[in-house]
N, C-alpha and C. Protein backbone atom coordinates (compact mmCIF):
# COMPACT_ATOMS: atom_id res chain seq x y z
N MET A 1 17.58 199.37 212.67
CA MET A 1 18.70 199.29 211.73
C MET A 1 19.85 198.58 212.40
N THR A 2 20.50 197.70 211.66
CA THR A 2 21.58 196.92 212.26
C THR A 2 22.52 196.45 211.18
N ASN A 3 23.74 196.09 211.58
CA ASN A 3 24.66 195.45 210.66
C ASN A 3 24.38 193.95 210.54
N ASP A 4 23.66 193.40 211.50
CA ASP A 4 23.31 191.98 211.46
C ASP A 4 21.98 191.85 210.73
N HIS A 5 22.03 191.80 209.39
CA HIS A 5 20.80 191.90 208.63
C HIS A 5 19.93 190.65 208.73
N ASP A 6 20.46 189.51 209.22
CA ASP A 6 19.61 188.35 209.40
C ASP A 6 18.45 188.66 210.36
N LYS A 7 18.67 189.59 211.27
CA LYS A 7 17.64 189.90 212.26
C LYS A 7 16.53 190.76 211.68
N ASP A 8 16.75 191.32 210.49
CA ASP A 8 15.79 192.26 209.94
C ASP A 8 15.09 191.73 208.70
N GLY A 9 15.17 190.44 208.43
CA GLY A 9 14.41 189.86 207.34
C GLY A 9 15.14 189.90 206.02
N GLY A 10 16.37 190.41 205.94
CA GLY A 10 17.07 190.48 204.68
C GLY A 10 18.34 189.68 204.68
N GLY A 11 18.38 188.62 205.45
CA GLY A 11 19.60 187.86 205.60
C GLY A 11 19.88 186.96 204.42
N SER A 12 20.75 185.99 204.64
CA SER A 12 21.22 185.16 203.55
C SER A 12 20.16 184.20 203.05
N ASP A 13 19.13 183.89 203.86
CA ASP A 13 18.11 182.97 203.38
C ASP A 13 17.20 183.68 202.39
N GLU A 14 16.84 182.95 201.34
CA GLU A 14 16.08 183.55 200.25
C GLU A 14 14.70 184.00 200.70
N ASP A 15 14.06 183.24 201.60
CA ASP A 15 12.74 183.64 202.09
C ASP A 15 12.81 184.99 202.80
N GLY A 16 13.86 185.19 203.60
CA GLY A 16 14.01 186.47 204.29
C GLY A 16 14.21 187.62 203.34
N GLN A 17 14.97 187.39 202.28
CA GLN A 17 15.19 188.45 201.29
C GLN A 17 13.89 188.84 200.60
N HIS A 18 13.11 187.84 200.19
CA HIS A 18 11.84 188.14 199.52
C HIS A 18 10.86 188.80 200.48
N HIS A 19 10.87 188.40 201.73
CA HIS A 19 9.98 189.03 202.71
C HIS A 19 10.32 190.50 202.87
N ALA A 20 11.61 190.81 202.95
CA ALA A 20 12.03 192.21 203.06
C ALA A 20 11.58 193.01 201.85
N MET A 21 11.70 192.42 200.66
CA MET A 21 11.29 193.13 199.45
C MET A 21 9.78 193.31 199.40
N GLU A 22 9.04 192.30 199.81
CA GLU A 22 7.58 192.42 199.82
C GLU A 22 7.11 193.53 200.75
N ILE A 23 7.72 193.64 201.92
CA ILE A 23 7.35 194.72 202.85
C ILE A 23 7.66 196.08 202.22
N THR A 24 8.80 196.18 201.59
CA THR A 24 9.20 197.44 200.96
C THR A 24 8.24 197.83 199.85
N LEU A 25 7.90 196.88 198.98
CA LEU A 25 6.99 197.17 197.87
C LEU A 25 5.60 197.52 198.38
N ALA A 26 5.16 196.86 199.45
CA ALA A 26 3.86 197.19 200.02
C ALA A 26 3.85 198.60 200.57
N ASN A 27 4.97 199.02 201.15
CA ASN A 27 5.07 200.38 201.68
C ASN A 27 4.94 201.40 200.55
N TYR A 28 5.68 201.19 199.47
CA TYR A 28 5.57 202.11 198.34
C TYR A 28 4.17 202.08 197.73
N GLY A 29 3.61 200.88 197.61
CA GLY A 29 2.30 200.75 196.99
C GLY A 29 1.16 201.30 197.81
N SER A 30 1.39 201.54 199.11
CA SER A 30 0.32 202.04 199.97
C SER A 30 0.02 203.51 199.74
N ALA A 31 0.97 204.25 199.18
CA ALA A 31 0.76 205.69 198.96
C ALA A 31 1.53 206.15 197.73
N PRO A 32 1.24 205.58 196.55
CA PRO A 32 2.02 205.93 195.37
C PRO A 32 1.87 207.39 194.95
N ASP A 33 0.68 207.95 195.12
CA ASP A 33 0.48 209.35 194.73
C ASP A 33 1.26 210.29 195.64
N TRP A 34 1.31 209.98 196.92
CA TRP A 34 2.09 210.79 197.85
C TRP A 34 3.56 210.76 197.47
N TYR A 35 4.07 209.56 197.16
CA TYR A 35 5.47 209.45 196.75
C TYR A 35 5.73 210.24 195.47
N TRP A 36 4.83 210.16 194.52
CA TRP A 36 4.99 210.85 193.25
C TRP A 36 5.02 212.35 193.45
N GLN A 37 4.12 212.87 194.24
CA GLN A 37 4.11 214.31 194.47
C GLN A 37 5.37 214.78 195.18
N GLY A 38 5.96 213.92 195.99
CA GLY A 38 7.15 214.30 196.73
C GLY A 38 8.44 214.20 195.94
N THR A 39 8.40 213.52 194.79
CA THR A 39 9.65 213.29 194.05
C THR A 39 9.62 213.76 192.60
N ARG A 40 8.47 214.12 192.08
CA ARG A 40 8.38 214.38 190.64
C ARG A 40 9.20 215.59 190.21
N ASP A 41 9.47 216.53 191.11
CA ASP A 41 10.24 217.72 190.75
C ASP A 41 11.70 217.64 191.15
N HIS A 42 12.17 216.49 191.64
CA HIS A 42 13.58 216.35 192.00
C HIS A 42 14.45 216.47 190.75
N ASP A 43 15.52 217.22 190.86
CA ASP A 43 16.44 217.42 189.74
C ASP A 43 17.57 216.40 189.82
N VAL A 44 17.53 215.41 188.94
CA VAL A 44 18.62 214.42 188.88
C VAL A 44 19.32 214.50 187.52
N SER A 45 19.30 215.69 186.92
CA SER A 45 19.95 215.86 185.61
C SER A 45 21.44 215.53 185.68
N GLN A 46 22.08 215.79 186.82
CA GLN A 46 23.49 215.43 186.98
C GLN A 46 23.68 213.93 186.81
N ASN A 47 22.78 213.15 187.37
CA ASN A 47 22.88 211.70 187.29
C ASN A 47 22.59 211.19 185.88
N ILE A 48 21.58 211.75 185.25
CA ILE A 48 21.26 211.35 183.88
C ILE A 48 22.44 211.64 182.96
N SER A 49 23.05 212.81 183.12
CA SER A 49 24.21 213.16 182.30
C SER A 49 25.39 212.24 182.58
N ALA A 50 25.57 211.86 183.84
CA ALA A 50 26.69 210.97 184.19
C ALA A 50 26.58 209.64 183.46
N LEU A 51 25.37 209.12 183.35
CA LEU A 51 25.18 207.87 182.60
C LEU A 51 25.40 208.09 181.12
N LEU A 52 24.70 209.04 180.53
CA LEU A 52 24.74 209.22 179.08
C LEU A 52 26.13 209.60 178.60
N ASP A 53 26.84 210.43 179.36
CA ASP A 53 28.17 210.86 178.94
C ASP A 53 29.18 209.71 178.94
N ALA A 54 28.90 208.68 179.73
CA ALA A 54 29.83 207.55 179.83
C ALA A 54 29.60 206.48 178.77
N ILE A 55 28.45 206.52 178.10
CA ILE A 55 28.14 205.50 177.10
C ILE A 55 28.88 205.81 175.81
N GLN A 56 29.56 204.83 175.29
CA GLN A 56 30.31 205.00 174.05
C GLN A 56 29.41 204.70 172.86
N GLY A 57 29.77 205.26 171.70
CA GLY A 57 28.99 205.02 170.50
C GLY A 57 28.04 206.17 170.23
N ASP A 58 27.19 205.96 169.25
CA ASP A 58 26.29 207.00 168.79
C ASP A 58 24.89 206.81 169.36
N ALA A 59 24.29 207.91 169.79
CA ALA A 59 22.91 207.89 170.27
C ALA A 59 21.98 207.68 169.07
N PRO A 60 20.74 207.23 169.29
CA PRO A 60 20.11 207.01 170.60
C PRO A 60 20.57 205.71 171.25
N PHE A 61 20.44 205.69 172.59
CA PHE A 61 20.85 204.55 173.38
C PHE A 61 19.62 203.81 173.93
N ALA A 62 19.80 202.52 174.16
CA ALA A 62 18.78 201.72 174.84
C ALA A 62 19.08 201.75 176.33
N ILE A 63 18.14 202.31 177.10
CA ILE A 63 18.34 202.54 178.53
C ILE A 63 17.31 201.76 179.33
N LEU A 64 17.77 201.05 180.35
CA LEU A 64 16.88 200.44 181.33
C LEU A 64 16.86 201.32 182.57
N ASP A 65 15.69 201.87 182.89
CA ASP A 65 15.52 202.65 184.12
C ASP A 65 15.09 201.66 185.20
N PHE A 66 16.06 201.23 186.00
CA PHE A 66 15.88 200.16 186.98
C PHE A 66 15.35 200.74 188.28
N GLY A 67 14.10 200.42 188.59
CA GLY A 67 13.44 201.07 189.72
C GLY A 67 12.92 202.43 189.29
N CYS A 68 12.15 202.43 188.21
CA CYS A 68 11.75 203.68 187.56
C CYS A 68 10.72 204.47 188.35
N GLY A 69 10.08 203.83 189.35
CA GLY A 69 9.05 204.55 190.09
C GLY A 69 7.94 204.99 189.15
N PRO A 70 7.33 206.15 189.39
CA PRO A 70 6.23 206.61 188.55
C PRO A 70 6.63 207.12 187.17
N GLY A 71 7.94 207.12 186.85
CA GLY A 71 8.34 207.38 185.47
C GLY A 71 8.96 208.73 185.18
N ARG A 72 9.34 209.48 186.20
CA ARG A 72 9.92 210.81 185.98
C ARG A 72 11.14 210.76 185.06
N ASP A 73 12.12 209.94 185.40
CA ASP A 73 13.36 209.90 184.62
C ASP A 73 13.17 209.12 183.33
N LEU A 74 12.29 208.14 183.35
CA LEU A 74 11.97 207.39 182.15
C LEU A 74 11.49 208.33 181.04
N LYS A 75 10.60 209.23 181.40
CA LYS A 75 10.10 210.19 180.42
C LYS A 75 11.21 211.12 179.95
N ARG A 76 12.11 211.50 180.84
CA ARG A 76 13.20 212.40 180.45
C ARG A 76 14.12 211.73 179.44
N PHE A 77 14.42 210.46 179.63
CA PHE A 77 15.26 209.76 178.65
C PHE A 77 14.61 209.77 177.27
N THR A 78 13.31 209.56 177.21
CA THR A 78 12.64 209.58 175.90
C THR A 78 12.63 210.98 175.32
N GLU A 79 12.47 212.00 176.15
CA GLU A 79 12.52 213.38 175.66
C GLU A 79 13.89 213.72 175.07
N LEU A 80 14.93 213.05 175.57
CA LEU A 80 16.28 213.25 175.05
C LEU A 80 16.55 212.40 173.81
N GLY A 81 15.55 211.62 173.38
CA GLY A 81 15.67 210.87 172.14
C GLY A 81 16.10 209.43 172.28
N HIS A 82 16.17 208.92 173.50
CA HIS A 82 16.65 207.55 173.70
C HIS A 82 15.48 206.56 173.80
N GLU A 83 15.80 205.29 173.62
CA GLU A 83 14.83 204.22 173.78
C GLU A 83 14.89 203.76 175.23
N ALA A 84 13.91 204.14 176.01
CA ALA A 84 13.93 203.86 177.44
C ALA A 84 12.87 202.83 177.80
N ILE A 85 13.27 201.88 178.61
CA ILE A 85 12.37 200.87 179.15
C ILE A 85 12.47 200.95 180.67
N GLY A 86 11.34 200.96 181.33
CA GLY A 86 11.33 201.02 182.78
C GLY A 86 11.18 199.65 183.40
N LEU A 87 11.55 199.57 184.66
CA LEU A 87 11.34 198.35 185.45
C LEU A 87 11.08 198.77 186.89
N ASP A 88 10.03 198.20 187.48
CA ASP A 88 9.77 198.47 188.89
C ASP A 88 9.07 197.27 189.51
N GLY A 89 9.35 197.05 190.77
CA GLY A 89 8.72 195.95 191.49
C GLY A 89 7.32 196.26 191.97
N SER A 90 6.98 197.54 192.01
CA SER A 90 5.65 197.96 192.44
C SER A 90 4.70 198.00 191.25
N GLY A 91 3.61 197.25 191.34
CA GLY A 91 2.62 197.29 190.27
C GLY A 91 2.00 198.66 190.11
N GLU A 92 1.81 199.35 191.23
CA GLU A 92 1.25 200.71 191.16
C GLU A 92 2.19 201.65 190.42
N PHE A 93 3.47 201.59 190.75
CA PHE A 93 4.43 202.46 190.08
C PHE A 93 4.57 202.10 188.60
N ALA A 94 4.59 200.81 188.29
CA ALA A 94 4.73 200.39 186.89
C ALA A 94 3.58 200.95 186.05
N ALA A 95 2.36 200.88 186.58
CA ALA A 95 1.21 201.40 185.84
C ALA A 95 1.30 202.92 185.69
N MET A 96 1.69 203.61 186.75
CA MET A 96 1.84 205.06 186.68
C MET A 96 2.92 205.45 185.66
N ALA A 97 4.01 204.70 185.65
CA ALA A 97 5.11 205.02 184.74
C ALA A 97 4.71 204.82 183.28
N ARG A 98 3.95 203.77 183.00
CA ARG A 98 3.48 203.55 181.63
C ARG A 98 2.62 204.72 181.18
N GLU A 99 1.71 205.14 182.04
CA GLU A 99 0.80 206.22 181.67
C GLU A 99 1.54 207.54 181.52
N PHE A 100 2.46 207.83 182.42
CA PHE A 100 3.14 209.12 182.41
C PHE A 100 4.15 209.23 181.28
N SER A 101 4.88 208.15 181.01
CA SER A 101 5.98 208.22 180.04
C SER A 101 5.61 207.72 178.66
N GLY A 102 4.61 206.84 178.58
CA GLY A 102 4.31 206.20 177.30
C GLY A 102 5.29 205.11 176.93
N CYS A 103 6.15 204.72 177.85
CA CYS A 103 7.19 203.72 177.59
C CYS A 103 6.74 202.33 178.02
N GLU A 104 7.45 201.34 177.51
CA GLU A 104 7.30 199.99 178.03
C GLU A 104 7.87 199.95 179.45
N VAL A 105 7.14 199.34 180.35
CA VAL A 105 7.59 199.22 181.74
C VAL A 105 7.40 197.77 182.18
N LEU A 106 8.48 197.16 182.63
CA LEU A 106 8.45 195.79 183.12
C LEU A 106 8.10 195.79 184.61
N HIS A 107 7.13 194.96 184.97
CA HIS A 107 6.79 194.80 186.39
C HIS A 107 7.53 193.57 186.89
N GLN A 108 8.70 193.79 187.51
CA GLN A 108 9.53 192.69 187.98
C GLN A 108 10.11 193.02 189.34
N ASN A 109 10.02 192.05 190.24
CA ASN A 109 10.69 192.15 191.53
C ASN A 109 12.20 192.12 191.29
N PHE A 110 12.93 192.97 192.00
CA PHE A 110 14.38 193.02 191.83
C PHE A 110 15.05 191.67 192.12
N LEU A 111 14.41 190.85 192.94
CA LEU A 111 14.97 189.56 193.31
C LEU A 111 14.55 188.44 192.36
N SER A 112 13.73 188.77 191.36
CA SER A 112 13.26 187.76 190.39
C SER A 112 13.28 188.36 188.99
N LEU A 113 14.45 188.81 188.58
CA LEU A 113 14.58 189.50 187.30
C LEU A 113 14.55 188.53 186.13
N ASP A 114 14.01 189.00 185.02
CA ASP A 114 14.00 188.24 183.77
C ASP A 114 14.30 189.23 182.65
N LEU A 115 15.59 189.50 182.44
CA LEU A 115 16.01 190.54 181.51
C LEU A 115 16.66 189.92 180.28
N PRO A 116 16.46 190.53 179.11
CA PRO A 116 17.11 190.01 177.90
C PRO A 116 18.61 190.23 177.94
N PRO A 117 19.40 189.25 177.56
CA PRO A 117 20.86 189.42 177.62
C PRO A 117 21.37 190.39 176.56
N GLY A 118 22.35 191.19 176.95
CA GLY A 118 23.02 192.09 176.01
C GLY A 118 22.11 193.08 175.33
N ARG A 119 21.08 193.53 176.01
CA ARG A 119 20.04 194.37 175.39
C ARG A 119 20.30 195.86 175.52
N PHE A 120 20.94 196.31 176.60
CA PHE A 120 20.94 197.73 176.93
C PHE A 120 22.34 198.35 176.82
N ASP A 121 22.34 199.61 176.40
CA ASP A 121 23.57 200.41 176.42
C ASP A 121 23.85 200.95 177.82
N GLY A 122 22.80 201.18 178.58
CA GLY A 122 22.96 201.73 179.91
C GLY A 122 21.86 201.27 180.85
N VAL A 123 22.22 201.14 182.12
CA VAL A 123 21.25 200.87 183.19
C VAL A 123 21.32 202.04 184.16
N PHE A 124 20.17 202.66 184.40
CA PHE A 124 20.06 203.80 185.30
C PHE A 124 19.37 203.33 186.57
N ALA A 125 20.16 203.13 187.62
CA ALA A 125 19.62 202.64 188.91
C ALA A 125 19.71 203.78 189.91
N ASN A 126 18.74 204.67 189.83
CA ASN A 126 18.73 205.86 190.68
C ASN A 126 17.84 205.60 191.89
N ALA A 127 18.43 205.53 193.07
CA ALA A 127 17.69 205.32 194.32
C ALA A 127 16.89 204.02 194.29
N SER A 128 17.53 202.95 193.84
CA SER A 128 16.81 201.67 193.76
C SER A 128 17.62 200.50 194.31
N LEU A 129 18.88 200.38 193.96
CA LEU A 129 19.65 199.19 194.35
C LEU A 129 19.87 199.08 195.85
N PHE A 130 19.72 200.18 196.58
CA PHE A 130 19.93 200.08 198.03
C PHE A 130 18.83 199.28 198.72
N HIS A 131 17.74 199.01 198.01
CA HIS A 131 16.68 198.17 198.57
C HIS A 131 16.99 196.68 198.45
N VAL A 132 18.03 196.31 197.71
CA VAL A 132 18.39 194.90 197.54
C VAL A 132 19.20 194.45 198.75
N PRO A 133 18.75 193.43 199.49
CA PRO A 133 19.55 192.92 200.61
C PRO A 133 20.95 192.54 200.16
N SER A 134 21.93 192.80 200.99
CA SER A 134 23.32 192.61 200.58
C SER A 134 23.62 191.18 200.17
N ALA A 135 22.94 190.21 200.78
CA ALA A 135 23.18 188.82 200.41
C ALA A 135 22.74 188.52 198.98
N ALA A 136 21.78 189.28 198.47
CA ALA A 136 21.29 189.08 197.10
C ALA A 136 21.97 190.00 196.10
N LEU A 137 22.72 190.97 196.58
CA LEU A 137 23.28 192.00 195.70
C LEU A 137 24.23 191.44 194.64
N PRO A 138 25.14 190.51 194.96
CA PRO A 138 26.01 189.99 193.89
C PRO A 138 25.23 189.38 192.73
N ARG A 139 24.17 188.65 193.03
CA ARG A 139 23.37 188.04 191.96
C ARG A 139 22.65 189.10 191.13
N VAL A 140 22.05 190.09 191.78
CA VAL A 140 21.31 191.13 191.07
C VAL A 140 22.26 191.94 190.19
N LEU A 141 23.42 192.30 190.71
CA LEU A 141 24.39 193.05 189.91
C LEU A 141 24.88 192.23 188.72
N ALA A 142 25.07 190.93 188.92
CA ALA A 142 25.49 190.07 187.81
C ALA A 142 24.41 190.01 186.73
N GLU A 143 23.15 190.02 187.13
CA GLU A 143 22.05 190.00 186.16
C GLU A 143 21.98 191.31 185.39
N LEU A 144 22.25 192.42 186.04
CA LEU A 144 22.30 193.70 185.33
C LEU A 144 23.48 193.74 184.38
N ASN A 145 24.61 193.19 184.80
CA ASN A 145 25.77 193.10 183.92
C ASN A 145 25.43 192.31 182.66
N ALA A 146 24.75 191.19 182.83
CA ALA A 146 24.40 190.34 181.70
C ALA A 146 23.42 191.04 180.75
N ALA A 147 22.60 191.94 181.27
CA ALA A 147 21.62 192.65 180.44
C ALA A 147 22.24 193.77 179.62
N LEU A 148 23.47 194.16 179.96
CA LEU A 148 24.16 195.23 179.23
C LEU A 148 24.91 194.67 178.03
N LYS A 149 25.01 195.49 177.00
CA LYS A 149 25.88 195.18 175.88
C LYS A 149 27.34 195.30 176.34
N PRO A 150 28.28 194.66 175.66
CA PRO A 150 29.69 194.89 175.97
C PRO A 150 30.02 196.38 175.89
N GLY A 151 30.67 196.90 176.91
CA GLY A 151 30.96 198.32 176.97
C GLY A 151 29.83 199.15 177.56
N GLY A 152 28.71 198.50 177.91
CA GLY A 152 27.59 199.21 178.48
C GLY A 152 27.90 199.77 179.86
N VAL A 153 27.05 200.68 180.32
CA VAL A 153 27.33 201.46 181.53
C VAL A 153 26.22 201.27 182.56
N LEU A 154 26.63 201.06 183.80
CA LEU A 154 25.72 201.04 184.95
C LEU A 154 25.92 202.31 185.76
N PHE A 155 24.84 203.05 185.99
CA PHE A 155 24.86 204.17 186.93
C PHE A 155 24.03 203.78 188.14
N SER A 156 24.55 204.09 189.33
CA SER A 156 23.77 203.88 190.55
C SER A 156 23.91 205.08 191.46
N SER A 157 22.84 205.40 192.14
CA SER A 157 22.86 206.42 193.19
C SER A 157 22.09 205.87 194.37
N ASN A 158 22.76 205.83 195.52
CA ASN A 158 22.17 205.26 196.73
C ASN A 158 22.47 206.14 197.93
N PRO A 159 21.59 206.15 198.92
CA PRO A 159 21.94 206.83 200.17
C PRO A 159 23.10 206.10 200.84
N ARG A 160 24.11 206.84 201.24
CA ARG A 160 25.31 206.21 201.77
C ARG A 160 25.21 206.05 203.29
N GLY A 161 26.08 205.22 203.82
CA GLY A 161 26.10 205.00 205.26
C GLY A 161 27.36 204.28 205.66
N ASP A 162 27.29 203.58 206.78
CA ASP A 162 28.43 202.83 207.31
C ASP A 162 28.15 201.33 207.25
N ASN A 163 27.53 200.92 206.14
CA ASN A 163 27.26 199.51 205.85
C ASN A 163 26.22 198.91 206.78
N GLN A 164 25.26 199.75 207.20
CA GLN A 164 24.12 199.24 207.94
C GLN A 164 23.08 198.71 206.94
N GLU A 165 22.25 197.79 207.39
CA GLU A 165 21.08 197.43 206.61
C GLU A 165 19.99 196.93 207.53
N GLY A 166 18.76 197.09 207.06
CA GLY A 166 17.62 196.69 207.85
C GLY A 166 16.41 197.52 207.48
N MET A 167 15.35 197.39 208.27
CA MET A 167 14.13 198.13 208.02
C MET A 167 14.27 199.56 208.53
N ALA A 168 13.81 200.50 207.72
CA ALA A 168 13.80 201.91 208.11
C ALA A 168 12.58 202.55 207.48
N GLN A 169 11.67 203.04 208.30
CA GLN A 169 10.44 203.70 207.85
C GLN A 169 9.64 202.80 206.91
N GLY A 170 9.57 201.53 207.26
CA GLY A 170 8.75 200.59 206.52
C GLY A 170 9.37 200.03 205.26
N ARG A 171 10.63 200.34 205.00
CA ARG A 171 11.30 199.85 203.80
C ARG A 171 12.65 199.26 204.18
N TYR A 172 13.07 198.24 203.43
CA TYR A 172 14.37 197.65 203.67
C TYR A 172 15.42 198.44 202.91
N GLY A 173 16.54 198.73 203.57
CA GLY A 173 17.60 199.47 202.92
C GLY A 173 18.97 199.00 203.35
N CYS A 174 19.93 199.09 202.43
CA CYS A 174 21.34 198.82 202.70
C CYS A 174 22.11 200.11 202.41
N PHE A 175 22.86 200.58 203.38
CA PHE A 175 23.49 201.89 203.29
C PHE A 175 25.01 201.71 203.31
N HIS A 176 25.57 201.55 202.10
CA HIS A 176 26.98 201.22 201.95
C HIS A 176 27.84 202.48 201.95
N ASP A 177 29.08 202.32 202.40
CA ASP A 177 30.08 203.35 202.11
C ASP A 177 30.70 203.02 200.75
N PHE A 178 31.55 203.92 200.23
CA PHE A 178 32.04 203.74 198.88
C PHE A 178 32.88 202.47 198.74
N GLU A 179 33.71 202.17 199.73
CA GLU A 179 34.58 201.01 199.63
C GLU A 179 33.76 199.72 199.56
N SER A 180 32.73 199.62 200.37
CA SER A 180 31.88 198.44 200.34
C SER A 180 31.15 198.33 199.01
N TRP A 181 30.59 199.44 198.55
CA TRP A 181 29.85 199.43 197.29
C TRP A 181 30.77 199.06 196.12
N ARG A 182 31.97 199.59 196.12
CA ARG A 182 32.93 199.28 195.06
C ARG A 182 33.25 197.79 195.04
N ALA A 183 33.38 197.19 196.20
CA ALA A 183 33.68 195.76 196.25
C ALA A 183 32.54 194.93 195.64
N TYR A 184 31.30 195.30 195.94
CA TYR A 184 30.17 194.57 195.37
C TYR A 184 30.12 194.72 193.85
N VAL A 185 30.23 195.96 193.36
CA VAL A 185 30.02 196.18 191.93
C VAL A 185 31.20 195.66 191.11
N SER A 186 32.41 195.89 191.56
CA SER A 186 33.56 195.35 190.85
C SER A 186 33.55 193.83 190.90
N GLY A 187 33.05 193.26 191.99
CA GLY A 187 32.94 191.82 192.10
C GLY A 187 31.97 191.21 191.10
N ALA A 188 31.05 192.03 190.59
CA ALA A 188 30.09 191.57 189.58
C ALA A 188 30.62 191.77 188.17
N GLY A 189 31.89 192.17 188.04
CA GLY A 189 32.51 192.26 186.73
C GLY A 189 32.52 193.64 186.10
N PHE A 190 32.19 194.67 186.86
CA PHE A 190 32.19 196.03 186.33
C PHE A 190 33.52 196.72 186.59
N GLN A 191 33.87 197.64 185.69
CA GLN A 191 35.05 198.49 185.85
C GLN A 191 34.61 199.88 186.31
N GLU A 192 35.26 200.37 187.33
CA GLU A 192 34.90 201.68 187.90
C GLU A 192 35.30 202.81 186.96
N LEU A 193 34.37 203.74 186.73
CA LEU A 193 34.64 204.93 185.93
C LEU A 193 34.75 206.18 186.79
N SER A 194 33.78 206.40 187.66
CA SER A 194 33.80 207.61 188.48
C SER A 194 32.80 207.47 189.62
N HIS A 195 32.94 208.36 190.60
CA HIS A 195 31.93 208.46 191.64
C HIS A 195 31.91 209.90 192.16
N TYR A 196 30.78 210.27 192.73
CA TYR A 196 30.62 211.60 193.32
C TYR A 196 29.51 211.54 194.35
N TYR A 197 29.38 212.63 195.11
CA TYR A 197 28.38 212.70 196.17
C TYR A 197 27.39 213.82 195.86
N ARG A 198 26.15 213.61 196.29
CA ARG A 198 25.08 214.58 196.02
C ARG A 198 24.39 214.98 197.32
N PRO A 199 23.74 216.16 197.30
CA PRO A 199 23.63 217.10 196.19
C PRO A 199 24.90 217.90 195.97
N PRO A 200 25.11 218.39 194.74
CA PRO A 200 26.34 219.14 194.45
C PRO A 200 26.37 220.46 195.20
N GLY A 201 27.58 220.95 195.44
CA GLY A 201 27.74 222.26 196.06
C GLY A 201 27.55 222.28 197.56
N GLN A 202 27.48 221.11 198.19
CA GLN A 202 27.29 221.03 199.63
C GLN A 202 28.54 220.42 200.28
N PRO A 203 28.80 220.73 201.56
CA PRO A 203 29.88 220.03 202.26
C PRO A 203 29.58 218.54 202.35
N HIS A 204 30.62 217.74 202.48
CA HIS A 204 30.46 216.29 202.39
C HIS A 204 29.45 215.74 203.40
N GLU A 205 29.42 216.31 204.59
CA GLU A 205 28.50 215.80 205.61
C GLU A 205 27.04 216.09 205.25
N ARG A 206 26.81 216.95 204.28
CA ARG A 206 25.45 217.25 203.82
C ARG A 206 25.21 216.71 202.41
N GLN A 207 25.96 215.68 202.06
CA GLN A 207 25.80 214.99 200.78
C GLN A 207 25.48 213.52 201.06
N PRO A 208 24.22 213.19 201.31
CA PRO A 208 23.88 211.83 201.72
C PRO A 208 23.86 210.80 200.60
N TRP A 209 23.99 211.23 199.35
CA TRP A 209 23.86 210.31 198.23
C TRP A 209 25.21 210.02 197.59
N LEU A 210 25.48 208.75 197.35
CA LEU A 210 26.68 208.29 196.67
C LEU A 210 26.30 207.85 195.26
N ALA A 211 26.86 208.52 194.26
CA ALA A 211 26.60 208.19 192.85
C ALA A 211 27.85 207.56 192.25
N THR A 212 27.67 206.47 191.51
CA THR A 212 28.81 205.76 190.93
C THR A 212 28.50 205.37 189.49
N VAL A 213 29.55 205.31 188.67
CA VAL A 213 29.42 204.99 187.25
C VAL A 213 30.40 203.86 186.93
N TRP A 214 29.91 202.85 186.20
CA TRP A 214 30.67 201.62 185.96
C TRP A 214 30.49 201.17 184.51
N ARG A 215 31.52 200.49 183.98
CA ARG A 215 31.42 199.95 182.63
C ARG A 215 31.55 198.42 182.64
N LYS A 216 30.74 197.79 181.80
CA LYS A 216 30.91 196.37 181.54
C LYS A 216 32.01 196.21 180.50
N PRO A 217 33.04 195.44 180.78
CA PRO A 217 34.13 195.28 179.80
C PRO A 217 33.63 194.70 178.47
């Protein structure tokens, strides 16, 4: 792990960014069932509520679950009555999510997105955007902004850090503090609504997750 991300395959050159993503996706794809068993019972209801409560207008809402994994939260959005579409870079996860949720799931690499403009009321990026190399983050955030309707909401939850990035346990990660993350997201045209740390009810040093909520003007 390093602050000099060029050394870890996620630098400013596009080939390095794609290489970092390919390694990360291969890691997830090597043991999808293990990952599913380890995460399927995680309670992220606080995060789901943070997104839905911030969306203006009348439900049901069109939600993009960005980095949906095997489909846990995707299915929950549909159970709540919303139109949910998943997206994941892992072919294994995309197939699992389709089967588990019954929803449409897009198989797209985060670095090669092809999203319909102005389609979604909300984007739910739970534990996904931190895999995007920082050099590519402005472009990816701008593409998510373009996929939202005016007034649409972006939710993100990422493991926080001191702005390190690099390979960790076979996956590429960027671990931003709040000030750094705010600069990236506001720079992509979003307005800040709120942020909090997870899990709830713990002292700050035991809250490794930074959750943020943003609106497209």
